[in-house]
Amino acid sequence: MLQTQQSKPNKYCMATNPFDMYATKRKRAVDPNAPPRPNLLSHEKVIKDTRSVIERQGQQIHMLLNRVNDLENKLNNQNIYLTALHQSLKSRNKR
C-alpha cells in the first residue's frame, strides 16, 4: 500500500499556479488623517512658485532701495537749503 503524500509548496520553488506572480498586490491601509504624499510634479510647482515669489520680492527690494536713496537725497538737499536759510536769516538779524 502506497500512501500518497500531498506536497507543500516550497518557498524556493515556483508557486503552484504560474500566474500567481501576475496577481495584483493588495493596497496598504491608508491613514485618513495623513497628509497627501508628495510627488515630483507638486515639488516642481512649489519650486516654480517659490522662485517667482523670490523674483518679485527682489524687484520690490530693488524698487524700495531706489526710493530710500531718492528720499535720502531729498532730505540732504532740504537740510542744506534750511541751513543756508538759517545762515542768511542770522546775518540779516545781526545788521
Protein backbone atom coordinates (compact mmCIF):
# COMPACT_ATOMS: atom_id res chain seq x y z
CA MET A 1 0.00 0.00 0.00
CA LEU A 2 1.35 3.27 -1.03
CA GLN A 3 0.23 6.38 0.72
CA THR A 4 0.19 9.50 -1.36
CA GLN A 5 1.59 12.47 0.36
CA GLN A 6 0.44 15.93 -0.61
CA SER A 7 3.39 18.14 -1.20
CA LYS A 8 3.54 21.54 0.38
CA PRO A 9 4.70 24.36 -1.88
CA ASN A 10 8.32 25.16 -1.23
CA LYS A 11 9.07 28.83 -0.74
CA TYR A 12 12.10 28.50 -3.01
CA CYS A 13 10.33 26.86 -5.90
CA MET A 14 7.72 28.31 -8.18
CA ALA A 15 4.18 28.77 -6.97
CA THR A 16 1.63 26.11 -7.71
CA ASN A 17 -0.14 28.44 -10.13
CA PRO A 18 2.27 30.03 -12.63
CA PHE A 19 0.02 33.09 -12.96
CA ASP A 20 0.22 33.97 -9.26
CA MET A 21 3.18 36.20 -9.92
CA TYR A 22 0.96 38.39 -12.10
CA ALA A 23 -1.71 38.80 -9.45
CA THR A 24 -2.38 42.34 -8.33
CA LYS A 25 -0.94 43.28 -5.00
CA ARG A 26 -3.16 44.39 -2.19
CA LYS A 27 -3.00 48.04 -1.32
CA ARG A 28 -1.79 49.09 2.09
CA ALA A 29 -4.20 50.60 4.53
CA VAL A 30 -4.08 54.39 4.31
CA ASP A 31 -4.40 56.63 7.31
CA PRO A 32 -7.23 59.09 6.53
CA ASN A 33 -5.61 61.78 8.69
CA ALA A 34 -2.25 61.58 6.93
CA PRO A 35 -1.29 64.40 4.56
CA PRO A 36 -1.18 63.57 0.86
CA ARG A 37 2.03 62.04 -0.37
CA PRO A 38 4.20 64.41 -2.42
CA ASN A 39 5.13 63.73 -6.00
CA LEU A 40 7.64 65.30 -8.33
CA LEU A 41 5.10 67.45 -10.13
CA SER A 42 3.98 69.11 -6.93
CA HIS A 43 7.63 69.68 -5.94
CA GLU A 44 8.32 71.34 -9.30
CA LYS A 45 5.26 73.54 -8.86
CA VAL A 46 6.37 74.54 -5.35
CA ILE A 47 9.88 75.34 -6.61
CA LYS A 48 8.47 77.36 -9.53
CA ASP A 49 6.13 79.30 -7.22
CA THR A 50 8.95 79.92 -4.74
CA ARG A 51 11.23 81.23 -7.48
CA SER A 52 8.55 83.60 -8.78
CA VAL A 53 7.94 84.90 -5.23
CA ILE A 54 11.68 85.41 -4.72
CA GLU A 55 11.98 87.28 -8.04
CA ARG A 56 9.02 89.53 -7.16
CA GLN A 57 10.47 90.25 -3.73
CA GLY A 58 13.86 91.02 -5.31
CA GLN A 59 12.19 93.53 -7.62
CA GLN A 60 10.34 95.10 -4.69
CA ILE A 61 13.56 95.33 -2.66
CA HIS A 62 15.35 96.98 -5.58
CA MET A 63 12.50 99.47 -6.04
CA LEU A 64 12.42 100.25 -2.30
CA LEU A 65 16.20 100.74 -2.18
CA ASN A 66 15.94 103.24 -5.05
CA ARG A 67 13.12 105.04 -3.25
CA VAL A 68 15.10 105.18 0.02
CA ASN A 69 18.11 106.61 -1.85
CA ASP A 70 15.92 109.24 -3.52
CA LEU A 71 14.34 110.21 -0.20
CA GLU A 72 17.76 110.43 1.50
CA ASN A 73 18.97 112.74 -1.29
CA LYS A 74 15.83 114.85 -0.91
CA LEU A 75 16.36 115.06 2.87
CA ASN A 76 20.01 116.08 2.44
CA ASN A 77 19.04 118.78 -0.07
CA GLN A 78 16.36 120.11 2.30
CA ASN A 79 18.86 120.15 5.19
CA ILE A 80 21.36 122.08 3.06
CA TYR A 81 18.63 124.53 2.00
CA LEU A 82 17.45 125.06 5.59
CA THR A 83 20.97 125.61 6.96
CA ALA A 84 21.60 128.16 4.21
CA LEU A 85 18.27 129.85 5.01
CA HIS A 86 19.12 129.98 8.73
CA GLN A 87 22.53 131.45 7.96
CA SER A 88 21.01 134.17 5.78
CA LEU A 89 18.39 134.98 8.47
CA LYS A 90 21.10 135.19 11.15
CA SER A 91 23.16 137.52 9.02
CA ARG A 92 20.11 139.81 8.41
CA ASN A 93 19.28 139.89 12.11
CA LYS A 94 22.83 140.93 13.02
CA ARG A 95 22.61 144.07 10.82
